[in-house]
Each structure stands twice: as C-alpha cells, then as structure tokens.
Amino acid sequence: MDQEIRDEIKAIVCEGIKEGMAPFWIERERHYNEHQFVKSWMDWASNIKSNILKAIISCMIYFVLGAMVLGFVFWGKKQ
C-alpha cells in the first residue's frame, strides 16, 4: 500500500473514532473529581465496615465475659 493511502485511511479512522467517542468525552477535571468522589465513598464504606466489625467483636467479647461472670456467680452460689 502506498504511504499516502495509509495516511488517508489513518486520518479517516481517527476522525471516525473521535465522532463515535464524542458523546462519552468528559473534561479532565470533572473526571478527576468523579474519581475523588468514588474514592471518598470507598473510604467511607471501608471505615463503616471496620467500625461495625469492631463493634461486633466487642459485643462478642463482652458477652463471653458476662457469661463467665454469671457462671462464676451461679457456681459460687451453688458451692
């Protein structure tokens, strides 16, 4: 193929891609801000998950300790 024809095909393909992708084009700063927003939501979800997990583990520990104390109290009354 002649180089001139290749360049012409390349230009036509690039133009077609630009036209096809035009509805999806987003400004760089807006795109960056959207990523920051998503990151903040991901961080928030991670923190909530961490806090809930800590609360559940704390409740389980308190339950076990409470059961032990009650067990000792009833065992002491039985003796």
C-alpha atoms as a PDB file:
ATOM      1  CA  MET A   1       0.000   0.000   0.000  1.00  0.00           C
ATOM      2  CA  ASP A   2       1.129   3.487  -0.769  1.00  0.00           C
ATOM      3  CA  GLN A   3       2.079   5.655   2.243  1.00  0.00           C
ATOM      4  CA  GLU A   4      -0.309   8.371   1.077  1.00  0.00           C
ATOM      5  CA  ILE A   5      -3.247   5.947   1.134  1.00  0.00           C
ATOM      6  CA  ARG A   6      -2.224   4.689   4.583  1.00  0.00           C
ATOM      7  CA  ASP A   7      -2.132   8.231   5.948  1.00  0.00           C
ATOM      8  CA  GLU A   8      -5.538   8.954   4.436  1.00  0.00           C
ATOM      9  CA  ILE A   9      -7.050   5.778   5.944  1.00  0.00           C
ATOM     10  CA  LYS A  10      -5.465   6.613   9.284  1.00  0.00           C
ATOM     11  CA  ALA A  11      -6.934  10.126   9.234  1.00  0.00           C
ATOM     12  CA  ILE A  12     -10.399   8.794   8.333  1.00  0.00           C
ATOM     13  CA  VAL A  13     -10.292   6.173  11.100  1.00  0.00           C
ATOM     14  CA  CYS A  14      -9.138   8.750  13.664  1.00  0.00           C
ATOM     15  CA  GLU A  15     -11.951  11.074  12.627  1.00  0.00           C
ATOM     16  CA  GLY A  16     -14.481   8.244  12.903  1.00  0.00           C
ATOM     17  CA  ILE A  17     -13.239   7.331  16.367  1.00  0.00           C
ATOM     18  CA  LYS A  18     -13.437  10.950  17.507  1.00  0.00           C
ATOM     19  CA  GLU A  19     -17.001  11.245  16.211  1.00  0.00           C
ATOM     20  CA  GLY A  20     -18.024   7.945  17.784  1.00  0.00           C
ATOM     21  CA  MET A  21     -16.485   8.755  21.161  1.00  0.00           C
ATOM     22  CA  ALA A  22     -17.675  12.373  21.312  1.00  0.00           C
ATOM     23  CA  PRO A  23     -20.777  11.618  23.443  1.00  0.00           C
ATOM     24  CA  PHE A  24     -18.570   9.891  26.015  1.00  0.00           C
ATOM     25  CA  TRP A  25     -15.950  12.641  26.311  1.00  0.00           C
ATOM     26  CA  ILE A  26     -15.568  14.127  29.800  1.00  0.00           C
ATOM     27  CA  GLU A  27     -13.416  17.042  30.869  1.00  0.00           C
ATOM     28  CA  ARG A  28     -10.291  16.005  32.730  1.00  0.00           C
ATOM     29  CA  GLU A  29     -11.031  17.930  35.907  1.00  0.00           C
ATOM     30  CA  ARG A  30     -14.592  16.608  36.102  1.00  0.00           C
ATOM     31  CA  HIS A  31     -13.308  13.077  35.555  1.00  0.00           C
ATOM     32  CA  TYR A  32     -10.717  13.551  38.318  1.00  0.00           C
ATOM     33  CA  ASN A  33     -13.368  14.933  40.685  1.00  0.00           C
ATOM     34  CA  GLU A  34     -15.597  11.945  39.986  1.00  0.00           C
ATOM     35  CA  HIS A  35     -12.745   9.624  40.870  1.00  0.00           C
ATOM     36  CA  GLN A  36     -12.167  11.569  44.096  1.00  0.00           C
ATOM     37  CA  PHE A  37     -15.885  11.237  44.917  1.00  0.00           C
ATOM     38  CA  VAL A  38     -15.820   7.481  44.330  1.00  0.00           C
ATOM     39  CA  LYS A  39     -12.654   7.198  46.422  1.00  0.00           C
ATOM     40  CA  SER A  40     -14.296   9.085  49.291  1.00  0.00           C
ATOM     41  CA  TRP A  41     -17.279   6.690  49.164  1.00  0.00           C
ATOM     42  CA  MET A  42     -14.934   3.695  49.150  1.00  0.00           C
ATOM     43  CA  ASP A  43     -13.021   5.092  52.143  1.00  0.00           C
ATOM     44  CA  TRP A  44     -16.301   5.776  53.962  1.00  0.00           C
ATOM     45  CA  ALA A  45     -17.539   2.233  53.291  1.00  0.00           C
ATOM     46  CA  SER A  46     -14.241   0.809  54.493  1.00  0.00           C
ATOM     47  CA  ASN A  47     -14.408   2.844  57.701  1.00  0.00           C
ATOM     48  CA  ILE A  48     -18.014   1.815  58.340  1.00  0.00           C
ATOM     49  CA  LYS A  49     -17.145  -1.828  57.731  1.00  0.00           C
ATOM     50  CA  SER A  50     -14.200  -1.537  60.110  1.00  0.00           C
ATOM     51  CA  ASN A  51     -16.290   0.168  62.811  1.00  0.00           C
ATOM     52  CA  ILE A  52     -19.104  -2.371  62.522  1.00  0.00           C
ATOM     53  CA  LEU A  53     -16.636  -5.240  62.722  1.00  0.00           C
ATOM     54  CA  LYS A  54     -15.037  -3.694  65.816  1.00  0.00           C
ATOM     55  CA  ALA A  55     -18.456  -3.257  67.428  1.00  0.00           C
ATOM     56  CA  ILE A  56     -19.464  -6.856  66.709  1.00  0.00           C
ATOM     57  CA  ILE A  57     -16.202  -8.223  68.107  1.00  0.00           C
ATOM     58  CA  SER A  58     -16.522  -6.000  71.192  1.00  0.00           C
ATOM     59  CA  CYS A  59     -20.087  -7.241  71.783  1.00  0.00           C
ATOM     60  CA  MET A  60     -18.939 -10.834  71.476  1.00  0.00           C
ATOM     61  CA  ILE A  61     -16.113 -10.257  73.974  1.00  0.00           C
ATOM     62  CA  TYR A  62     -18.478  -8.553  76.435  1.00  0.00           C
ATOM     63  CA  PHE A  63     -20.976 -11.391  76.024  1.00  0.00           C
ATOM     64  CA  VAL A  64     -18.310 -14.000  76.780  1.00  0.00           C
ATOM     65  CA  LEU A  65     -17.041 -12.024  79.778  1.00  0.00           C
ATOM     66  CA  GLY A  66     -20.599 -11.526  81.058  1.00  0.00           C
ATOM     67  CA  ALA A  67     -21.359 -15.222  80.659  1.00  0.00           C
ATOM     68  CA  MET A  68     -18.196 -16.072  82.571  1.00  0.00           C
ATOM     69  CA  VAL A  69     -19.079 -13.683  85.399  1.00  0.00           C
ATOM     70  CA  LEU A  70     -22.621 -15.058  85.613  1.00  0.00           C
ATOM     71  CA  GLY A  71     -21.236 -18.589  85.535  1.00  0.00           C
ATOM     72  CA  PHE A  72     -18.899 -17.830  88.414  1.00  0.00           C
ATOM     73  CA  VAL A  73     -21.690 -16.130  90.371  1.00  0.00           C
ATOM     74  CA  PHE A  74     -24.059 -19.097  89.974  1.00  0.00           C
ATOM     75  CA  TRP A  75     -21.223 -21.570  90.592  1.00  0.00           C
ATOM     76  CA  GLY A  76     -20.306 -19.656  93.765  1.00  0.00           C
ATOM     77  CA  LYS A  77     -23.926 -19.730  94.980  1.00  0.00           C
ATOM     78  CA  LYS A  78     -24.094 -23.460  94.286  1.00  0.00           C
ATOM     79  CA  GLN A  79     -20.982 -24.154  96.370  1.00  0.00           C
END
